[in-house]
């Protein structure tokens, strides 16, 4: 049994590679988006653990929530600095 992926004539040669994002405003925004998603997940978990009285899990969820929020804030400051230096519109 062959597990190799196959391509159809309509898709051959149409593979596009994404441009490098490192250091671009898009990369900053993507990271902030990711951190906001994770912060929201951990905030929800914190609420659930507070509701059921699980203090150990609550502490962990709050720490992760804060860490993801701090990462987003720090990255937003970097993005703002890029904008202020005129490197992005």
C-alpha atoms as a PDB file:
ATOM      1  CA  UNK A   1       0.000   0.000   0.000  1.00  0.00           C
ATOM      2  CA  UNK A   2       1.488   3.320  -1.074  1.00  0.00           C
ATOM      3  CA  UNK A   3       1.053   6.154   1.437  1.00  0.00           C
ATOM      4  CA  UNK A   4       2.687   8.792  -0.745  1.00  0.00           C
ATOM      5  CA  UNK A   5       0.467  11.785  -1.470  1.00  0.00           C
ATOM      6  CA  UNK A   6      -0.754  12.204  -5.008  1.00  0.00           C
ATOM      7  CA  UNK A   7      -1.349  15.370  -6.953  1.00  0.00           C
ATOM      8  CA  UNK A   8      -3.866  16.009  -9.640  1.00  0.00           C
ATOM      9  CA  UNK A   9      -2.973  17.798 -12.869  1.00  0.00           C
ATOM     10  CA  UNK A  10      -4.968  20.817 -11.712  1.00  0.00           C
ATOM     11  CA  UNK A  11      -2.819  21.205  -8.581  1.00  0.00           C
ATOM     12  CA  UNK A  12       0.598  20.330  -9.972  1.00  0.00           C
ATOM     13  CA  UNK A  13       2.938  23.281  -9.799  1.00  0.00           C
ATOM     14  CA  UNK A  14       0.463  25.420  -7.903  1.00  0.00           C
ATOM     15  CA  UNK A  15       2.065  24.997  -4.500  1.00  0.00           C
ATOM     16  CA  UNK A  16       2.798  28.400  -3.098  1.00  0.00           C
ATOM     17  CA  UNK A  17       5.038  29.069  -0.188  1.00  0.00           C
ATOM     18  CA  UNK A  18       4.078  31.689   2.329  1.00  0.00           C
ATOM     19  CA  UNK A  19       6.357  34.700   2.528  1.00  0.00           C
ATOM     20  CA  UNK A  20       8.605  34.803   5.572  1.00  0.00           C
ATOM     21  CA  UNK A  21       6.814  36.537   8.399  1.00  0.00           C
ATOM     22  CA  UNK A  22       9.631  36.916  10.902  1.00  0.00           C
ATOM     23  CA  UNK A  23       9.926  40.545  11.945  1.00  0.00           C
ATOM     24  CA  UNK A  24       7.015  41.759   9.836  1.00  0.00           C
ATOM     25  CA  UNK A  25       3.905  43.475  11.186  1.00  0.00           C
ATOM     26  CA  UNK A  26       1.912  40.433  10.052  1.00  0.00           C
ATOM     27  CA  UNK A  27       4.054  38.194  12.253  1.00  0.00           C
ATOM     28  CA  UNK A  28       3.485  40.471  15.241  1.00  0.00           C
ATOM     29  CA  UNK A  29      -0.275  40.461  14.637  1.00  0.00           C
ATOM     30  CA  UNK A  30      -0.342  36.694  14.168  1.00  0.00           C
ATOM     31  CA  UNK A  31       1.495  36.189  17.455  1.00  0.00           C
ATOM     32  CA  UNK A  32      -0.831  38.592  19.293  1.00  0.00           C
ATOM     33  CA  UNK A  33      -3.810  36.704  17.842  1.00  0.00           C
ATOM     34  CA  UNK A  34      -2.362  33.414  19.052  1.00  0.00           C
ATOM     35  CA  UNK A  35      -1.672  34.770  22.537  1.00  0.00           C
ATOM     36  CA  UNK A  36      -5.168  36.271  22.763  1.00  0.00           C
ATOM     37  CA  UNK A  37      -6.674  32.888  21.895  1.00  0.00           C
ATOM     38  CA  UNK A  38      -4.594  31.139  24.537  1.00  0.00           C
ATOM     39  CA  UNK A  39      -5.364  33.838  27.121  1.00  0.00           C
ATOM     40  CA  UNK A  40      -9.080  33.408  26.438  1.00  0.00           C
ATOM     41  CA  UNK A  41      -8.817  29.647  26.867  1.00  0.00           C
ATOM     42  CA  UNK A  42      -6.983  29.991  30.174  1.00  0.00           C
ATOM     43  CA  UNK A  43      -9.371  32.695  31.396  1.00  0.00           C
ATOM     44  CA  UNK A  44     -12.260  30.308  30.727  1.00  0.00           C
ATOM     45  CA  UNK A  45     -10.419  27.521  32.524  1.00  0.00           C
ATOM     46  CA  UNK A  46      -9.733  29.840  35.466  1.00  0.00           C
ATOM     47  CA  UNK A  47     -13.441  30.614  35.743  1.00  0.00           C
ATOM     48  CA  UNK A  48     -14.318  26.915  35.665  1.00  0.00           C
ATOM     49  CA  UNK A  49     -11.704  26.003  38.282  1.00  0.00           C
ATOM     50  CA  UNK A  50     -12.818  28.883  40.514  1.00  0.00           C
ATOM     51  CA  UNK A  51     -16.400  27.683  40.208  1.00  0.00           C
ATOM     52  CA  UNK A  52     -15.596  24.116  41.240  1.00  0.00           C
ATOM     53  CA  UNK A  53     -13.103  25.155  43.925  1.00  0.00           C
ATOM     54  CA  UNK A  54      -9.960  23.591  42.415  1.00  0.00           C
ATOM     55  CA  UNK A  55      -7.351  26.035  43.711  1.00  0.00           C
ATOM     56  CA  UNK A  56      -4.327  24.224  42.263  1.00  0.00           C
ATOM     57  CA  UNK A  57      -5.735  24.212  38.747  1.00  0.00           C
ATOM     58  CA  UNK A  58      -7.037  27.757  39.263  1.00  0.00           C
ATOM     59  CA  UNK A  59      -3.557  29.018  40.091  1.00  0.00           C
ATOM     60  CA  UNK A  60      -2.076  27.323  37.028  1.00  0.00           C
ATOM     61  CA  UNK A  61      -4.806  28.690  34.725  1.00  0.00           C
ATOM     62  CA  UNK A  62      -4.377  32.224  36.097  1.00  0.00           C
ATOM     63  CA  UNK A  63      -0.597  32.061  35.678  1.00  0.00           C
ATOM     64  CA  UNK A  64      -0.962  30.925  32.048  1.00  0.00           C
ATOM     65  CA  UNK A  65      -3.649  33.557  31.411  1.00  0.00           C
ATOM     66  CA  UNK A  66      -1.347  36.284  32.726  1.00  0.00           C
ATOM     67  CA  UNK A  67       1.688  34.959  30.829  1.00  0.00           C
ATOM     68  CA  UNK A  68      -0.162  34.937  27.506  1.00  0.00           C
ATOM     69  CA  UNK A  69      -1.579  38.396  28.176  1.00  0.00           C
ATOM     70  CA  UNK A  70       1.877  39.778  29.034  1.00  0.00           C
ATOM     71  CA  UNK A  71       3.312  38.271  25.847  1.00  0.00           C
ATOM     72  CA  UNK A  72       0.556  39.919  23.790  1.00  0.00           C
ATOM     73  CA  UNK A  73       1.082  43.285  25.511  1.00  0.00           C
ATOM     74  CA  UNK A  74       4.840  43.139  24.969  1.00  0.00           C
ATOM     75  CA  UNK A  75       4.425  42.257  21.314  1.00  0.00           C
ATOM     76  CA  UNK A  76       1.855  45.018  20.867  1.00  0.00           C
ATOM     77  CA  UNK A  77       4.410  47.482  22.251  1.00  0.00           C
ATOM     78  CA  UNK A  78       6.925  46.221  19.689  1.00  0.00           C
ATOM     79  CA  UNK A  79       4.378  46.610  16.885  1.00  0.00           C
ATOM     80  CA  UNK A  80       3.573  50.115  18.072  1.00  0.00           C
ATOM     81  CA  UNK A  81       7.285  50.971  18.086  1.00  0.00           C
ATOM     82  CA  UNK A  82       7.551  49.763  14.485  1.00  0.00           C
ATOM     83  CA  UNK A  83       4.672  52.025  13.524  1.00  0.00           C
ATOM     84  CA  UNK A  84       6.159  55.031  15.332  1.00  0.00           C
ATOM     85  CA  UNK A  85       9.514  54.628  13.598  1.00  0.00           C
ATOM     86  CA  UNK A  86       7.733  54.693  10.273  1.00  0.00           C
ATOM     87  CA  UNK A  87       8.731  51.155   9.324  1.00  0.00           C
ATOM     88  CA  UNK A  88       5.069  50.291   8.724  1.00  0.00           C
ATOM     89  CA  UNK A  89       2.123  52.424   7.608  1.00  0.00           C
END
